[in-house]
Amino acid sequence: MARSMWKGAIQFGLVTIPVKLYLATESRAGVSFNMLHEKDGSRIQMKVWCPEDEEIIERSETVKGYEYAPGKYVVIDDSDLEKLPLKTVRSIEIEQFVDASEASTNTKFVKQAYYIEPDRVGRKAFGLLKEVLSEKGLTAICKIVIRDREVLAALDPFESTMLLSTLYWPDEIRALGELDLPEDELELKPAELKMASQLIDAMTGEFDPAQYRDEYREALMQVIESKIEGRETIEAEPAEEPTKLVDLMAALQASVNAATASRGKPVSVADAKAAKKAKADATEASEAAAAEEKRPARKRKTA
């Protein structure tokens, strides 16, 4: 059974709805590795070392300290955190309601998503809030303290519950000025736009997450299993370096053909390879045609 990681209440106006938060996601993206000593293969142990007593101590003997001056600390414990004069320590404080489409533009930088479970006594008020948000197409912008930090969050109806998505504060989001982006608007030809539009149309469909899987993890597990069984591991083909620019229209046309052939499916490695070959063929044909056009008319006629 899922365990709640926060208990408090949703607050807006004078309305209080007792709720619990549950993590909406769990990470399975990676394969866990242990650190080993290369010399003898023994597992490395990470110890907590006290330089003052020159000995290893248990983590249970540690406390939180804030360095207010070089080498000087003030200890902060859980009771201090509970006494903070913030309503958001034990409540999801709704600050305002905004149009959901407007909110989606400003809430792209999500930290974590949580399911909300209302206590039995708050189910009617919870359902009422969820229904009104859904009917009016609104998102609730709120604040909450999670793991000793106050965070900004968005609250949205989600199936039979609501989803709380914690966000980065505006000053935590890096400015685009740090990137090397083109200052002038690019010149896009109508034919290129049309072909790109066709490619996107050919790849457009209903999103079904069940069609996707973590292929990197599967491949890594195959390597691990091969090593365990003493079999030879299969090496992937080395990626080709993009050494030259290809004909954009030819690449788009080849991509449209490949996407149309596999419409409704995620583009696989095989599809990508087929598209790559078709693109190369199209580029070669385009270059040959261009070379033929450049030849003198008399030579073309003689040939």
C-alpha atoms as a PDB file:
ATOM      1  CA  MET A   1       0.000   0.000   0.000  1.00  0.00           C
ATOM      2  CA  ALA A   2       1.255   3.487  -0.865  1.00  0.00           C
ATOM      3  CA  ARG A   3       2.515   5.580   2.053  1.00  0.00           C
ATOM      4  CA  SER A   4       1.690   9.268   2.336  1.00  0.00           C
ATOM      5  CA  MET A   5       4.704  11.575   2.571  1.00  0.00           C
ATOM      6  CA  TRP A   6       2.856  14.695   3.808  1.00  0.00           C
ATOM      7  CA  LYS A   7      -0.309  15.316   5.796  1.00  0.00           C
ATOM      8  CA  GLY A   8      -2.077  18.635   6.149  1.00  0.00           C
ATOM      9  CA  ALA A   9      -4.930  20.550   4.542  1.00  0.00           C
ATOM     10  CA  ILE A  10      -5.879  22.531   1.453  1.00  0.00           C
ATOM     11  CA  GLN A  11      -6.740  26.103   2.500  1.00  0.00           C
ATOM     12  CA  PHE A  12      -8.617  28.673   0.419  1.00  0.00           C
ATOM     13  CA  GLY A  13     -10.667  31.438   1.978  1.00  0.00           C
ATOM     14  CA  LEU A  14     -12.153  29.947   5.143  1.00  0.00           C
ATOM     15  CA  VAL A  15     -12.416  26.466   3.648  1.00  0.00           C
ATOM     16  CA  THR A  16     -10.165  23.712   5.070  1.00  0.00           C
ATOM     17  CA  ILE A  17      -9.878  20.305   3.393  1.00  0.00           C
ATOM     18  CA  PRO A  18      -7.762  17.697   5.256  1.00  0.00           C
ATOM     19  CA  VAL A  19      -5.586  15.815   2.726  1.00  0.00           C
ATOM     20  CA  LYS A  20      -2.535  13.582   2.300  1.00  0.00           C
ATOM     21  CA  LEU A  21       0.100  13.725  -0.434  1.00  0.00           C
ATOM     22  CA  TYR A  22       1.461  10.694  -2.263  1.00  0.00           C
ATOM     23  CA  LEU A  23       4.285  10.688  -4.786  1.00  0.00           C
ATOM     24  CA  ALA A  24       2.686  10.345  -8.219  1.00  0.00           C
ATOM     25  CA  THR A  25       5.840   8.951  -9.852  1.00  0.00           C
ATOM     26  CA  GLU A  26       8.690   6.580  -9.064  1.00  0.00           C
ATOM     27  CA  SER A  27      12.018   6.473 -10.818  1.00  0.00           C
ATOM     28  CA  ARG A  28      12.878   3.258 -12.634  1.00  0.00           C
ATOM     29  CA  ALA A  29      15.008   4.891 -15.299  1.00  0.00           C
ATOM     30  CA  GLY A  30      18.377   3.676 -14.139  1.00  0.00           C
ATOM     31  CA  VAL A  31      20.106   0.465 -13.129  1.00  0.00           C
ATOM     32  CA  SER A  32      21.602   0.703  -9.663  1.00  0.00           C
ATOM     33  CA  PHE A  33      25.350   0.164  -9.318  1.00  0.00           C
ATOM     34  CA  ASN A  34      27.520  -0.278  -6.238  1.00  0.00           C
ATOM     35  CA  MET A  35      31.004   1.184  -5.915  1.00  0.00           C
ATOM     36  CA  LEU A  36      33.704  -1.514  -5.750  1.00  0.00           C
ATOM     37  CA  HIS A  37      37.423  -1.460  -5.043  1.00  0.00           C
ATOM     38  CA  GLU A  38      39.000  -2.124  -8.454  1.00  0.00           C
ATOM     39  CA  LYS A  39      41.877  -4.103  -6.926  1.00  0.00           C
ATOM     40  CA  ASP A  40      39.895  -6.824  -5.116  1.00  0.00           C
ATOM     41  CA  GLY A  41      36.227  -6.234  -6.117  1.00  0.00           C
ATOM     42  CA  SER A  42      35.077  -5.581  -2.543  1.00  0.00           C
ATOM     43  CA  ARG A  43      32.177  -3.199  -2.017  1.00  0.00           C
ATOM     44  CA  ILE A  44      33.109   0.292  -0.820  1.00  0.00           C
ATOM     45  CA  GLN A  45      31.439   1.554   2.360  1.00  0.00           C
ATOM     46  CA  MET A  46      30.653   5.235   2.784  1.00  0.00           C
ATOM     47  CA  LYS A  47      31.378   6.245   6.372  1.00  0.00           C
ATOM     48  CA  VAL A  48      30.502   9.426   8.284  1.00  0.00           C
ATOM     49  CA  TRP A  49      33.776  10.794   9.661  1.00  0.00           C
ATOM     50  CA  CYS A  50      34.144  13.229  12.560  1.00  0.00           C
ATOM     51  CA  PRO A  51      37.455  15.118  12.164  1.00  0.00           C
ATOM     52  CA  GLU A  52      37.259  16.489  15.728  1.00  0.00           C
ATOM     53  CA  ASP A  53      37.088  13.082  17.431  1.00  0.00           C
ATOM     54  CA  GLU A  54      38.931  11.396  14.541  1.00  0.00           C
ATOM     55  CA  GLU A  55      36.459   8.529  14.415  1.00  0.00           C
ATOM     56  CA  ILE A  56      33.578   7.131  12.369  1.00  0.00           C
ATOM     57  CA  ILE A  57      30.141   7.991  13.759  1.00  0.00           C
ATOM     58  CA  GLU A  58      26.588   6.794  13.061  1.00  0.00           C
ATOM     59  CA  ARG A  59      24.273   8.948  10.944  1.00  0.00           C
ATOM     60  CA  SER A  60      21.844   8.954  13.867  1.00  0.00           C
ATOM     61  CA  GLU A  61      24.430  11.042  15.759  1.00  0.00           C
ATOM     62  CA  THR A  62      24.274  13.867  13.196  1.00  0.00           C
ATOM     63  CA  VAL A  63      22.168  17.044  13.391  1.00  0.00           C
ATOM     64  CA  LYS A  64      21.446  19.905  10.996  1.00  0.00           C
ATOM     65  CA  GLY A  65      23.679  22.953  11.358  1.00  0.00           C
ATOM     66  CA  TYR A  66      23.672  26.348   9.630  1.00  0.00           C
ATOM     67  CA  GLU A  67      27.083  28.033   9.212  1.00  0.00           C
ATOM     68  CA  TYR A  68      26.468  31.688  10.163  1.00  0.00           C
ATOM     69  CA  ALA A  69      30.182  32.531  10.361  1.00  0.00           C
ATOM     70  CA  PRO A  70      33.340  30.656   9.300  1.00  0.00           C
ATOM     71  CA  GLY A  71      33.492  27.523  11.462  1.00  0.00           C
ATOM     72  CA  LYS A  72      30.501  28.593  13.592  1.00  0.00           C
ATOM     73  CA  TYR A  73      27.169  26.769  13.396  1.00  0.00           C
ATOM     74  CA  VAL A  74      23.719  27.009  14.903  1.00  0.00           C
ATOM     75  CA  VAL A  75      21.855  23.692  15.289  1.00  0.00           C
ATOM     76  CA  ILE A  76      18.315  23.463  13.872  1.00  0.00           C
ATOM     77  CA  ASP A  77      16.122  20.488  14.816  1.00  0.00           C
ATOM     78  CA  ASP A  78      12.636  19.336  13.809  1.00  0.00           C
ATOM     79  CA  SER A  79      10.975  21.221  16.667  1.00  0.00           C
ATOM     80  CA  ASP A  80      12.484  24.483  15.371  1.00  0.00           C
ATOM     81  CA  LEU A  81      11.123  23.765  11.886  1.00  0.00           C
ATOM     82  CA  GLU A  82       7.661  23.021  13.284  1.00  0.00           C
ATOM     83  CA  LYS A  83       7.618  26.437  15.009  1.00  0.00           C
ATOM     84  CA  LEU A  84       8.200  28.402  11.784  1.00  0.00           C
ATOM     85  CA  PRO A  85       5.536  31.151  11.495  1.00  0.00           C
ATOM     86  CA  LEU A  86       4.265  29.892   8.136  1.00  0.00           C
ATOM     87  CA  LYS A  87       0.790  28.580   7.409  1.00  0.00           C
ATOM     88  CA  THR A  88       2.241  26.482   4.595  1.00  0.00           C
ATOM     89  CA  VAL A  89       4.097  24.146   7.008  1.00  0.00           C
ATOM     90  CA  ARG A  90       0.924  22.078   7.380  1.00  0.00           C
ATOM     91  CA  SER A  91      -1.304  23.434   4.645  1.00  0.00           C
ATOM     92  CA  ILE A  92      -1.507  23.818   0.882  1.00  0.00           C
ATOM     93  CA  GLU A  93      -2.267  27.535   0.847  1.00  0.00           C
ATOM     94  CA  ILE A  94      -4.079  28.510  -2.370  1.00  0.00           C
ATOM     95  CA  GLU A  95      -2.972  32.012  -3.374  1.00  0.00           C
ATOM     96  CA  GLN A  96      -5.118  32.487  -6.497  1.00  0.00           C
ATOM     97  CA  PHE A  97      -6.945  30.764  -9.337  1.00  0.00           C
ATOM     98  CA  VAL A  98      -5.781  31.288 -12.920  1.00  0.00           C
ATOM     99  CA  ASP A  99      -6.865  30.160 -16.366  1.00  0.00           C
ATOM    100  CA  ALA A 100      -5.488  26.633 -16.908  1.00  0.00           C
ATOM    101  CA  SER A 101      -4.152  27.411 -20.398  1.00  0.00           C
ATOM    102  CA  GLU A 102      -2.346  30.480 -19.055  1.00  0.00           C
ATOM    103  CA  ALA A 103      -0.988  28.452 -16.146  1.00  0.00           C
ATOM    104  CA  SER A 104       0.385  25.731 -18.436  1.00  0.00           C
ATOM    105  CA  THR A 105       2.584  28.336 -20.130  1.00  0.00           C
ATOM    106  CA  ASN A 106       4.079  29.456 -16.817  1.00  0.00           C
ATOM    107  CA  THR A 107       4.277  26.078 -15.067  1.00  0.00           C
ATOM    108  CA  LYS A 108       6.465  24.102 -17.463  1.00  0.00           C
ATOM    109  CA  PHE A 109       9.356  23.750 -14.998  1.00  0.00           C
ATOM    110  CA  VAL A 110       7.916  21.042 -12.732  1.00  0.00           C
ATOM    111  CA  LYS A 111       9.942  19.533  -9.863  1.00  0.00           C
ATOM    112  CA  GLN A 112       7.673  16.736  -8.645  1.00  0.00           C
ATOM    113  CA  ALA A 113       4.065  15.603  -8.989  1.00  0.00           C
ATOM    114  CA  TYR A 114       1.895  14.391  -6.098  1.00  0.00           C
ATOM    115  CA  TYR A 115      -1.505  12.721  -5.913  1.00  0.00           C
ATOM    116  CA  ILE A 116      -3.855  14.164  -3.307  1.00  0.00           C
ATOM    117  CA  GLU A 117      -6.037  11.967  -1.115  1.00  0.00           C
ATOM    118  CA  PRO A 118      -8.736  13.759   0.897  1.00  0.00           C
ATOM    119  CA  ASP A 119      -9.649  12.558   4.375  1.00  0.00           C
ATOM    120  CA  ARG A 120     -13.179  11.166   4.620  1.00  0.00           C
ATOM    121  CA  VAL A 121     -14.493  14.279   6.383  1.00  0.00           C
ATOM    122  CA  GLY A 122     -13.179  16.490   3.549  1.00  0.00           C
ATOM    123  CA  ARG A 123     -14.315  14.482   0.524  1.00  0.00           C
ATOM    124  CA  LYS A 124     -17.323  16.656  -0.301  1.00  0.00           C
ATOM    125  CA  ALA A 125     -15.359  19.925  -0.137  1.00  0.00           C
ATOM    126  CA  PHE A 126     -12.536  18.285  -2.095  1.00  0.00           C
ATOM    127  CA  GLY A 127     -14.954  17.086  -4.794  1.00  0.00           C
ATOM    128  CA  LEU A 128     -16.568  20.520  -4.943  1.00  0.00           C
ATOM    129  CA  LEU A 129     -13.210  22.260  -5.483  1.00  0.00           C
ATOM    130  CA  LYS A 130     -12.175  19.696  -8.119  1.00  0.00           C
ATOM    131  CA  GLU A 131     -15.465  20.046 -10.017  1.00  0.00           C
ATOM    132  CA  VAL A 132     -15.412  23.852 -10.077  1.00  0.00           C
ATOM    133  CA  LEU A 133     -11.794  23.924 -11.272  1.00  0.00           C
ATOM    134  CA  SER A 134     -12.668  21.443 -14.016  1.00  0.00           C
ATOM    135  CA  GLU A 135     -15.826  23.285 -15.133  1.00  0.00           C
ATOM    136  CA  LYS A 136     -14.159  26.688 -15.238  1.00  0.00           C
ATOM    137  CA  GLY A 137     -10.864  25.440 -16.709  1.00  0.00           C
ATOM    138  CA  LEU A 138      -8.849  26.822 -13.794  1.00  0.00           C
ATOM    139  CA  THR A 139      -5.586  25.961 -12.045  1.00  0.00           C
ATOM    140  CA  ALA A 140      -4.996  26.781  -8.385  1.00  0.00           C
ATOM    141  CA  ILE A 141      -1.620  28.397  -7.651  1.00  0.00           C
ATOM    142  CA  CYS A 142      -0.508  27.602  -4.123  1.00  0.00           C
ATOM    143  CA  LYS A 143       2.400  27.356  -1.696  1.00  0.00           C
ATOM    144  CA  ILE A 144       3.416  24.455   0.546  1.00  0.00           C
ATOM    145  CA  VAL A 145       6.369  23.456   2.723  1.00  0.00           C
ATOM    146  CA  ILE A 146       7.856  20.065   1.767  1.00  0.00           C
ATOM    147  CA  ARG A 147      11.102  18.723   3.237  1.00  0.00           C
ATOM    148  CA  ASP A 148      12.076  21.963   4.986  1.00  0.00           C
ATOM    149  CA  ARG A 149      11.480  24.125   1.892  1.00  0.00           C
ATOM    150  CA  GLU A 150       8.554  26.286   0.875  1.00  0.00           C
ATOM    151  CA  VAL A 151       7.705  25.629  -2.759  1.00  0.00           C
ATOM    152  CA  LEU A 152       5.399  27.101  -5.362  1.00  0.00           C
ATOM    153  CA  ALA A 153       2.876  24.634  -6.772  1.00  0.00           C
ATOM    154  CA  ALA A 154      -0.007  24.207  -9.223  1.00  0.00           C
ATOM    155  CA  LEU A 155      -3.126  22.252  -8.303  1.00  0.00           C
ATOM    156  CA  ASP A 156      -5.178  20.681 -11.118  1.00  0.00           C
ATOM    157  CA  PRO A 157      -8.047  18.179 -11.446  1.00  0.00           C
ATOM    158  CA  PHE A 158      -6.701  14.768 -12.486  1.00  0.00           C
ATOM    159  CA  GLU A 159      -9.042  11.836 -13.130  1.00  0.00           C
ATOM    160  CA  SER A 160     -10.649  10.941  -9.768  1.00  0.00           C
ATOM    161  CA  THR A 161      -8.351  13.173  -7.694  1.00  0.00           C
ATOM    162  CA  MET A 162      -6.214  16.302  -8.052  1.00  0.00           C
ATOM    163  CA  LEU A 163      -2.543  16.596  -8.941  1.00  0.00           C
ATOM    164  CA  LEU A 164      -0.195  18.912  -7.071  1.00  0.00           C
ATOM    165  CA  SER A 165       2.826  19.843  -9.214  1.00  0.00           C
ATOM    166  CA  THR A 166       5.630  21.621  -7.369  1.00  0.00           C
ATOM    167  CA  LEU A 167       7.400  24.289  -9.420  1.00  0.00           C
ATOM    168  CA  TYR A 168      10.696  26.162  -9.476  1.00  0.00           C
ATOM    169  CA  TRP A 169      10.661  29.716  -8.150  1.00  0.00           C
ATOM    170  CA  PRO A 170      11.165  32.327 -10.909  1.00  0.00           C
ATOM    171  CA  ASP A 171      14.694  33.162  -9.686  1.00  0.00           C
ATOM    172  CA  GLU A 172      15.657  29.457  -9.984  1.00  0.00           C
ATOM    173  CA  ILE A 173      14.960  29.377 -13.726  1.00  0.00           C
ATOM    174  CA  ARG A 174      17.939  30.265 -15.877  1.00  0.00           C
ATOM    175  CA  ALA A 175      17.621  33.068 -18.400  1.00  0.00           C
ATOM    176  CA  LEU A 176      17.678  32.259 -22.124  1.00  0.00           C
ATOM    177  CA  GLY A 177      20.402  34.895 -22.497  1.00  0.00           C
ATOM    178  CA  GLU A 178      22.927  32.259 -21.356  1.00  0.00           C
ATOM    179  CA  LEU A 179      22.373  30.362 -24.626  1.00  0.00           C
ATOM    180  CA  ASP A 180      23.925  31.071 -28.009  1.00  0.00           C
ATOM    181  CA  LEU A 181      20.703  31.611 -29.960  1.00  0.00           C
ATOM    182  CA  PRO A 182      20.259  33.327 -33.341  1.00  0.00           C
ATOM    183  CA  GLU A 183      19.421  37.000 -32.972  1.00  0.00           C
ATOM    184  CA  ASP A 184      17.935  37.423 -36.445  1.00  0.00           C
ATOM    185  CA  GLU A 185      14.823  35.634 -37.623  1.00  0.00           C
ATOM    186  CA  LEU A 186      15.663  32.692 -39.866  1.00  0.00           C
ATOM    187  CA  GLU A 187      14.548  32.776 -43.491  1.00  0.00           C
ATOM    188  CA  LEU A 188      12.237  29.804 -44.019  1.00  0.00           C
ATOM    189  CA  LYS A 189      11.097  28.903 -47.508  1.00  0.00           C
ATOM    190  CA  PRO A 190       7.372  28.144 -48.077  1.00  0.00           C
ATOM    191  CA  ALA A 191       8.254  24.723 -49.543  1.00  0.00           C
ATOM    192  CA  GLU A 192      10.291  23.847 -46.433  1.00  0.00           C
ATOM    193  CA  LEU A 193       7.466  24.935 -44.134  1.00  0.00           C
ATOM    194  CA  LYS A 194       4.956  22.899 -46.128  1.00  0.00           C
ATOM    195  CA  MET A 195       7.134  19.766 -46.071  1.00  0.00           C
ATOM    196  CA  ALA A 196       7.866  20.162 -42.328  1.00  0.00           C
ATOM    197  CA  SER A 197       4.120  20.533 -41.735  1.00  0.00           C
ATOM    198  CA  GLN A 198       3.473  17.321 -43.684  1.00  0.00           C
ATOM    199  CA  LEU A 199       6.090  15.505 -41.605  1.00  0.00           C
ATOM    200  CA  ILE A 200       4.517  16.691 -38.338  1.00  0.00           C
ATOM    201  CA  ASP A 201       1.031  15.730 -39.604  1.00  0.00           C
ATOM    202  CA  ALA A 202       2.307  12.249 -40.501  1.00  0.00           C
ATOM    203  CA  MET A 203       3.764  11.829 -37.000  1.00  0.00           C
ATOM    204  CA  THR A 204       0.699  13.223 -35.176  1.00  0.00           C
ATOM    205  CA  GLY A 205      -1.523  10.804 -33.289  1.00  0.00           C
ATOM    206  CA  GLU A 206      -3.058   9.989 -29.917  1.00  0.00           C
ATOM    207  CA  PHE A 207      -0.460   9.707 -27.159  1.00  0.00           C
ATOM    208  CA  ASP A 208      -0.394   6.246 -25.600  1.00  0.00           C
ATOM    209  CA  PRO A 209       2.357   5.961 -22.952  1.00  0.00           C
ATOM    210  CA  ALA A 210       2.055   2.144 -23.077  1.00  0.00           C
ATOM    211  CA  GLN A 211       3.719   2.195 -26.513  1.00  0.00           C
ATOM    212  CA  TYR A 212       6.961   3.493 -25.008  1.00  0.00           C
ATOM    213  CA  ARG A 213       9.578   1.713 -22.928  1.00  0.00           C
ATOM    214  CA  ASP A 214      13.037   2.387 -21.548  1.00  0.00           C
ATOM    215  CA  GLU A 215      15.167   0.833 -24.305  1.00  0.00           C
ATOM    216  CA  TYR A 216      18.418   2.029 -22.736  1.00  0.00           C
ATOM    217  CA  ARG A 217      17.672   0.155 -19.500  1.00  0.00           C
ATOM    218  CA  GLU A 218      16.723  -2.998 -21.442  1.00  0.00           C
ATOM    219  CA  ALA A 219      19.952  -2.872 -23.450  1.00  0.00           C
ATOM    220  CA  LEU A 220      22.004  -2.283 -20.303  1.00  0.00           C
ATOM    221  CA  MET A 221      20.372  -5.280 -18.591  1.00  0.00           C
ATOM    222  CA  GLN A 222      21.235  -7.430 -21.630  1.00  0.00           C
ATOM    223  CA  VAL A 223      24.893  -6.398 -21.260  1.00  0.00           C
ATOM    224  CA  ILE A 224      24.792  -7.221 -17.518  1.00  0.00           C
ATOM    225  CA  GLU A 225      23.149 -10.620 -18.108  1.00  0.00           C
ATOM    226  CA  SER A 226      25.667 -11.440 -20.856  1.00  0.00           C
ATOM    227  CA  LYS A 227      28.551 -10.672 -18.502  1.00  0.00           C
ATOM    228  CA  ILE A 228      26.995 -12.791 -15.724  1.00  0.00           C
ATOM    229  CA  GLU A 229      26.605 -15.744 -18.099  1.00  0.00           C
ATOM    230  CA  GLY A 230      30.054 -15.226 -19.618  1.00  0.00           C
ATOM    231  CA  ARG A 231      28.683 -14.514 -23.091  1.00  0.00           C
ATOM    232  CA  GLU A 232      30.108 -11.967 -25.499  1.00  0.00           C
ATOM    233  CA  THR A 233      28.373  -8.613 -25.326  1.00  0.00           C
ATOM    234  CA  ILE A 234      26.935  -7.067 -28.484  1.00  0.00           C
ATOM    235  CA  GLU A 235      28.371  -3.702 -29.420  1.00  0.00           C
ATOM    236  CA  ALA A 236      26.177  -1.035 -30.957  1.00  0.00           C
ATOM    237  CA  GLU A 237      27.137   0.548 -34.259  1.00  0.00           C
ATOM    238  CA  PRO A 238      29.152   3.732 -33.651  1.00  0.00           C
ATOM    239  CA  ALA A 239      27.185   6.911 -34.233  1.00  0.00           C
ATOM    240  CA  GLU A 240      28.147   8.750 -37.387  1.00  0.00           C
ATOM    241  CA  GLU A 241      29.460  12.262 -36.976  1.00  0.00           C
ATOM    242  CA  PRO A 242      27.418  14.917 -38.829  1.00  0.00           C
ATOM    243  CA  THR A 243      30.258  15.947 -41.130  1.00  0.00           C
ATOM    244  CA  LYS A 244      28.247  17.802 -43.769  1.00  0.00           C
ATOM    245  CA  LEU A 245      24.949  19.534 -44.266  1.00  0.00           C
ATOM    246  CA  VAL A 246      22.407  17.481 -46.206  1.00  0.00           C
ATOM    247  CA  ASP A 247      19.725  18.734 -48.547  1.00  0.00           C
ATOM    248  CA  LEU A 248      16.968  19.843 -46.144  1.00  0.00           C
ATOM    249  CA  MET A 249      14.097  19.215 -48.579  1.00  0.00           C
ATOM    250  CA  ALA A 250      15.407  15.727 -49.403  1.00  0.00           C
ATOM    251  CA  ALA A 251      15.749  14.936 -45.698  1.00  0.00           C
ATOM    252  CA  LEU A 252      12.208  16.172 -45.014  1.00  0.00           C
ATOM    253  CA  GLN A 253      10.769  14.172 -47.915  1.00  0.00           C
ATOM    254  CA  ALA A 254      12.525  10.983 -46.788  1.00  0.00           C
ATOM    255  CA  SER A 255      11.297  11.572 -43.225  1.00  0.00           C
ATOM    256  CA  VAL A 256       7.712  12.092 -44.420  1.00  0.00           C
ATOM    257  CA  ASN A 257       7.861   8.805 -46.352  1.00  0.00           C
ATOM    258  CA  ALA A 258       9.233   6.902 -43.344  1.00  0.00           C
ATOM    259  CA  ALA A 259       6.739   8.482 -40.915  1.00  0.00           C
ATOM    260  CA  THR A 260       3.785   7.807 -43.223  1.00  0.00           C
ATOM    261  CA  ALA A 261       4.804   4.153 -43.554  1.00  0.00           C
ATOM    262  CA  SER A 262       4.910   3.730 -39.760  1.00  0.00           C
ATOM    263  CA  ARG A 263       2.020   6.052 -38.906  1.00  0.00           C
ATOM    264  CA  GLY A 264       0.527   5.451 -35.489  1.00  0.00           C
ATOM    265  CA  LYS A 265       3.720   3.892 -34.093  1.00  0.00           C
ATOM    266  CA  PRO A 266       6.646   5.473 -32.269  1.00  0.00           C
ATOM    267  CA  VAL A 267       9.629   5.900 -34.603  1.00  0.00           C
ATOM    268  CA  SER A 268      11.924   2.916 -33.921  1.00  0.00           C
ATOM    269  CA  VAL A 269      15.634   2.481 -34.570  1.00  0.00           C
ATOM    270  CA  ALA A 270      14.783   0.474 -37.695  1.00  0.00           C
ATOM    271  CA  ASP A 271      12.509   3.271 -38.918  1.00  0.00           C
ATOM    272  CA  ALA A 272      15.251   5.797 -38.274  1.00  0.00           C
ATOM    273  CA  LYS A 273      17.772   3.713 -40.235  1.00  0.00           C
ATOM    274  CA  ALA A 274      15.322   3.320 -43.125  1.00  0.00           C
ATOM    275  CA  ALA A 275      14.697   7.061 -43.122  1.00  0.00           C
ATOM    276  CA  LYS A 276      18.434   7.695 -43.030  1.00  0.00           C
ATOM    277  CA  LYS A 277      19.014   5.453 -46.079  1.00  0.00           C
ATOM    278  CA  ALA A 278      16.104   7.040 -47.932  1.00  0.00           C
ATOM    279  CA  LYS A 279      17.493  10.469 -47.077  1.00  0.00           C
ATOM    280  CA  ALA A 280      20.942   9.485 -48.365  1.00  0.00           C
ATOM    281  CA  ASP A 281      19.418   8.141 -51.592  1.00  0.00           C
ATOM    282  CA  ALA A 282      17.348  11.292 -52.026  1.00  0.00           C
ATOM    283  CA  THR A 283      20.392  13.487 -51.384  1.00  0.00           C
ATOM    284  CA  GLU A 284      22.453  11.517 -53.892  1.00  0.00           C
ATOM    285  CA  ALA A 285      19.707  11.843 -56.497  1.00  0.00           C
ATOM    286  CA  SER A 286      19.365  15.552 -55.782  1.00  0.00           C
ATOM    287  CA  GLU A 287      23.125  16.093 -56.151  1.00  0.00           C
ATOM    288  CA  ALA A 288      23.202  14.085 -59.397  1.00  0.00           C
ATOM    289  CA  ALA A 289      20.324  16.123 -60.810  1.00  0.00           C
ATOM    290  CA  ALA A 290      22.047  19.362 -59.842  1.00  0.00           C
ATOM    291  CA  ALA A 291      25.276  18.206 -61.487  1.00  0.00           C
ATOM    292  CA  GLU A 292      23.375  17.261 -64.651  1.00  0.00           C
ATOM    293  CA  GLU A 293      21.800  20.726 -64.783  1.00  0.00           C
ATOM    294  CA  LYS A 294      25.241  22.339 -64.603  1.00  0.00           C
ATOM    295  CA  ARG A 295      26.602  20.376 -67.585  1.00  0.00           C
ATOM    296  CA  PRO A 296      26.676  22.237 -70.954  1.00  0.00           C
ATOM    297  CA  ALA A 297      23.592  21.601 -73.098  1.00  0.00           C
ATOM    298  CA  ARG A 298      25.672  20.120 -76.026  1.00  0.00           C
ATOM    299  CA  LYS A 299      27.353  17.581 -73.718  1.00  0.00           C
ATOM    300  CA  ARG A 300      24.001  16.536 -72.244  1.00  0.00           C
ATOM    301  CA  LYS A 301      22.570  16.045 -75.752  1.00  0.00           C
ATOM    302  CA  THR A 302      25.636  14.000 -76.900  1.00  0.00           C
ATOM    303  CA  ALA A 303      25.427  11.839 -73.802  1.00  0.00           C
END
